[in-house]
């Protein structure tokens, strides 16, 4: 009898603990599906338009970086290694950066920052033109990345948009 009481208490405790966890998981699923449902095709069209501008801006930026690096006689791969080492102190210890490379990095850094500022301005302009604010843009981006249904809708809209241009 004592065993049954202890077991019943244990099972009741598990049910009480599991109840909120199950409810929380269900609520999270509902929120995610509500977010996906709340994204209209019109918003996805706007998002696709901004993403096209973003892609063009990134391509232009990459060409500008390559141009700057070639003028300074620095290889793109080496530039990436140095930039990564600046972001990761553990990597910086193992990467030997020459005095010439340090000088080159200091010389090109203002140019890169200026270029980055212009790129950001173009992106924000495209976002504003589309009528999406940064928060909504980010919410749509998260939904596209995390929700297969939204991703599928976005791909179709982006394809249709690209083929009409």
Protein backbone atom coordinates (compact mmCIF):
# COMPACT_ATOMS: atom_id res chain seq x y z
CA UNK A 1 0.00 0.00 0.00
CA UNK A 2 2.85 2.34 0.89
CA UNK A 3 4.46 1.57 -2.47
CA UNK A 4 1.28 2.52 -4.32
CA UNK A 5 1.00 5.81 -2.41
CA UNK A 6 4.63 6.68 -3.14
CA UNK A 7 4.28 5.70 -6.78
CA UNK A 8 1.04 7.64 -7.12
CA UNK A 9 2.67 10.69 -5.55
CA UNK A 10 5.65 10.34 -7.87
CA UNK A 11 3.46 9.99 -10.98
CA UNK A 12 1.28 12.91 -9.86
CA UNK A 13 4.44 15.01 -9.37
CA UNK A 14 5.65 14.11 -12.87
CA UNK A 15 2.31 15.03 -14.37
CA UNK A 16 2.34 18.36 -12.56
CA UNK A 17 5.85 19.08 -13.80
CA UNK A 18 5.23 17.84 -17.31
CA UNK A 19 1.99 19.76 -17.75
CA UNK A 20 3.58 23.23 -17.96
CA UNK A 21 6.40 21.92 -20.16
CA UNK A 22 3.93 20.39 -22.62
CA UNK A 23 1.80 23.54 -22.60
CA UNK A 24 4.88 25.67 -23.15
CA UNK A 25 5.99 23.55 -26.11
CA UNK A 26 2.51 23.73 -27.64
CA UNK A 27 2.39 27.50 -27.14
CA UNK A 28 5.81 27.87 -28.78
CA UNK A 29 4.62 25.87 -31.80
CA UNK A 30 1.50 28.01 -32.04
CA UNK A 31 3.58 31.21 -31.87
CA UNK A 32 5.90 29.97 -34.59
CA UNK A 33 3.02 29.01 -36.87
CA UNK A 34 1.29 32.30 -36.10
CA UNK A 35 4.45 34.14 -37.11
CA UNK A 36 4.63 32.19 -40.36
CA UNK A 37 0.95 32.82 -41.06
CA UNK A 38 1.31 36.50 -40.28
CA UNK A 39 3.88 37.00 -43.06
CA UNK A 40 2.04 37.99 -46.18
CA UNK A 41 3.16 37.32 -49.73
CA UNK A 42 3.38 41.10 -50.18
CA UNK A 43 5.88 41.27 -47.30
CA UNK A 44 7.83 38.40 -48.82
CA UNK A 45 7.92 40.31 -52.13
CA UNK A 46 9.30 43.35 -50.32
CA UNK A 47 11.79 41.14 -48.49
CA UNK A 48 12.89 39.54 -51.78
CA UNK A 49 13.37 42.98 -53.30
CA UNK A 50 15.57 44.09 -50.39
CA UNK A 51 17.52 40.83 -50.61
CA UNK A 52 18.21 41.47 -54.30
CA UNK A 53 19.57 44.90 -53.46
CA UNK A 54 21.59 43.35 -50.64
CA UNK A 55 23.11 40.82 -53.02
CA UNK A 56 24.09 43.55 -55.49
CA UNK A 57 25.58 45.67 -52.71
CA UNK A 58 27.57 42.68 -51.44
CA UNK A 59 28.90 41.95 -54.93
CA UNK A 60 29.90 45.58 -55.42
CA UNK A 61 31.54 45.64 -52.00
CA UNK A 62 33.46 42.47 -52.74
CA UNK A 63 34.74 43.95 -56.00
CA UNK A 64 35.78 47.13 -54.18
CA UNK A 65 37.59 45.13 -51.48
CA UNK A 66 39.42 43.14 -54.15
CA UNK A 67 40.38 46.36 -55.91
CA UNK A 68 41.66 47.92 -52.69
CA UNK A 69 43.61 44.77 -51.81
CA UNK A 70 45.18 44.46 -55.25
CA UNK A 71 46.35 48.09 -55.08
CA UNK A 72 48.00 47.27 -51.77
CA UNK A 73 49.42 43.98 -53.09
CA UNK A 74 47.53 41.84 -50.59
CA UNK A 75 45.90 38.51 -51.33
CA UNK A 76 42.18 38.12 -50.46
CA UNK A 77 42.79 34.86 -48.62
CA UNK A 78 45.54 36.44 -46.51
CA UNK A 79 43.30 39.43 -45.81
CA UNK A 80 40.56 37.09 -44.56
CA UNK A 81 43.01 35.25 -42.33
CA UNK A 82 44.21 38.49 -40.76
CA UNK A 83 40.65 39.76 -40.28
CA UNK A 84 39.62 36.47 -38.65
CA UNK A 85 42.62 36.61 -36.35
CA UNK A 86 41.62 40.11 -35.24
CA UNK A 87 38.19 38.79 -34.28
CA UNK A 88 39.53 35.68 -32.59
CA UNK A 89 42.39 36.27 -30.13
CA UNK A 90 43.26 32.55 -30.00
CA UNK A 91 43.84 32.60 -33.73
CA UNK A 92 45.88 35.81 -33.54
CA UNK A 93 48.52 34.05 -31.46
CA UNK A 94 49.11 31.41 -34.12
CA UNK A 95 49.05 33.77 -37.12
CA UNK A 96 52.24 35.64 -37.88
CA UNK A 97 51.33 39.01 -39.32
CA UNK A 98 54.28 40.87 -40.77
CA UNK A 99 54.95 44.55 -40.11
CA UNK A 100 54.17 45.26 -43.78
CA UNK A 101 50.82 43.48 -43.48
CA UNK A 102 49.99 45.41 -40.29
CA UNK A 103 50.82 48.66 -42.05
CA UNK A 104 48.67 47.68 -45.03
CA UNK A 105 45.76 46.74 -42.76
CA UNK A 106 45.95 50.09 -40.98
CA UNK A 107 46.06 51.86 -44.33
CA UNK A 108 43.05 50.10 -45.85
CA UNK A 109 40.89 50.00 -42.73
CA UNK A 110 39.46 53.54 -43.14
CA UNK A 111 38.62 52.75 -46.78
CA UNK A 112 36.85 49.57 -45.76
CA UNK A 113 34.92 51.32 -42.99
CA UNK A 114 33.79 54.04 -45.41
CA UNK A 115 32.74 51.40 -47.92
CA UNK A 116 30.88 49.47 -45.22
CA UNK A 117 29.04 52.62 -44.12
CA UNK A 118 27.93 53.28 -47.72
CA UNK A 119 26.78 49.67 -48.11
CA UNK A 120 24.79 49.84 -44.89
CA UNK A 121 23.20 53.10 -46.04
CA UNK A 122 22.17 51.51 -49.36
CA UNK A 123 20.66 48.54 -47.50
CA UNK A 124 18.72 50.75 -45.12
CA UNK A 125 17.51 52.83 -48.08
CA UNK A 126 16.28 49.71 -49.86
CA UNK A 127 14.54 48.57 -46.69
CA UNK A 128 12.86 51.94 -46.21
CA UNK A 129 11.81 52.08 -49.86
CA UNK A 130 10.20 48.68 -49.52
CA UNK A 131 8.24 49.81 -46.48
CA UNK A 132 9.79 47.26 -44.12
CA UNK A 133 11.23 48.50 -40.86
CA UNK A 134 14.40 46.78 -39.56
CA UNK A 135 12.52 44.80 -36.91
CA UNK A 136 10.00 43.42 -39.39
CA UNK A 137 12.78 42.67 -41.87
CA UNK A 138 14.61 40.67 -39.17
CA UNK A 139 11.42 38.85 -38.18
CA UNK A 140 10.83 37.84 -41.79
CA UNK A 141 14.48 36.79 -42.17
CA UNK A 142 14.19 34.57 -39.07
CA UNK A 143 10.95 33.05 -40.36
CA UNK A 144 12.49 32.36 -43.78
CA UNK A 145 15.45 30.65 -42.11
CA UNK A 146 13.54 28.65 -39.52
CA UNK A 147 10.22 27.80 -41.16
CA UNK A 148 10.26 25.52 -44.23
CA UNK A 149 6.81 26.76 -45.35
CA UNK A 150 7.91 30.40 -45.31
CA UNK A 151 11.19 29.45 -47.04
CA UNK A 152 9.26 27.70 -49.80
CA UNK A 153 6.99 30.73 -50.30
CA UNK A 154 9.98 33.06 -50.29
CA UNK A 155 11.89 30.99 -52.87
CA UNK A 156 8.89 30.97 -55.21
CA UNK A 157 8.40 34.72 -54.87
CA UNK A 158 12.12 35.42 -55.31
CA UNK A 159 12.23 33.19 -58.41
CA UNK A 160 9.18 34.87 -59.90
CA UNK A 161 10.68 38.28 -59.15
CA UNK A 162 14.05 37.36 -60.68
CA UNK A 163 12.49 35.95 -63.84
CA UNK A 164 10.38 39.09 -64.35
CA UNK A 165 13.47 41.36 -64.14
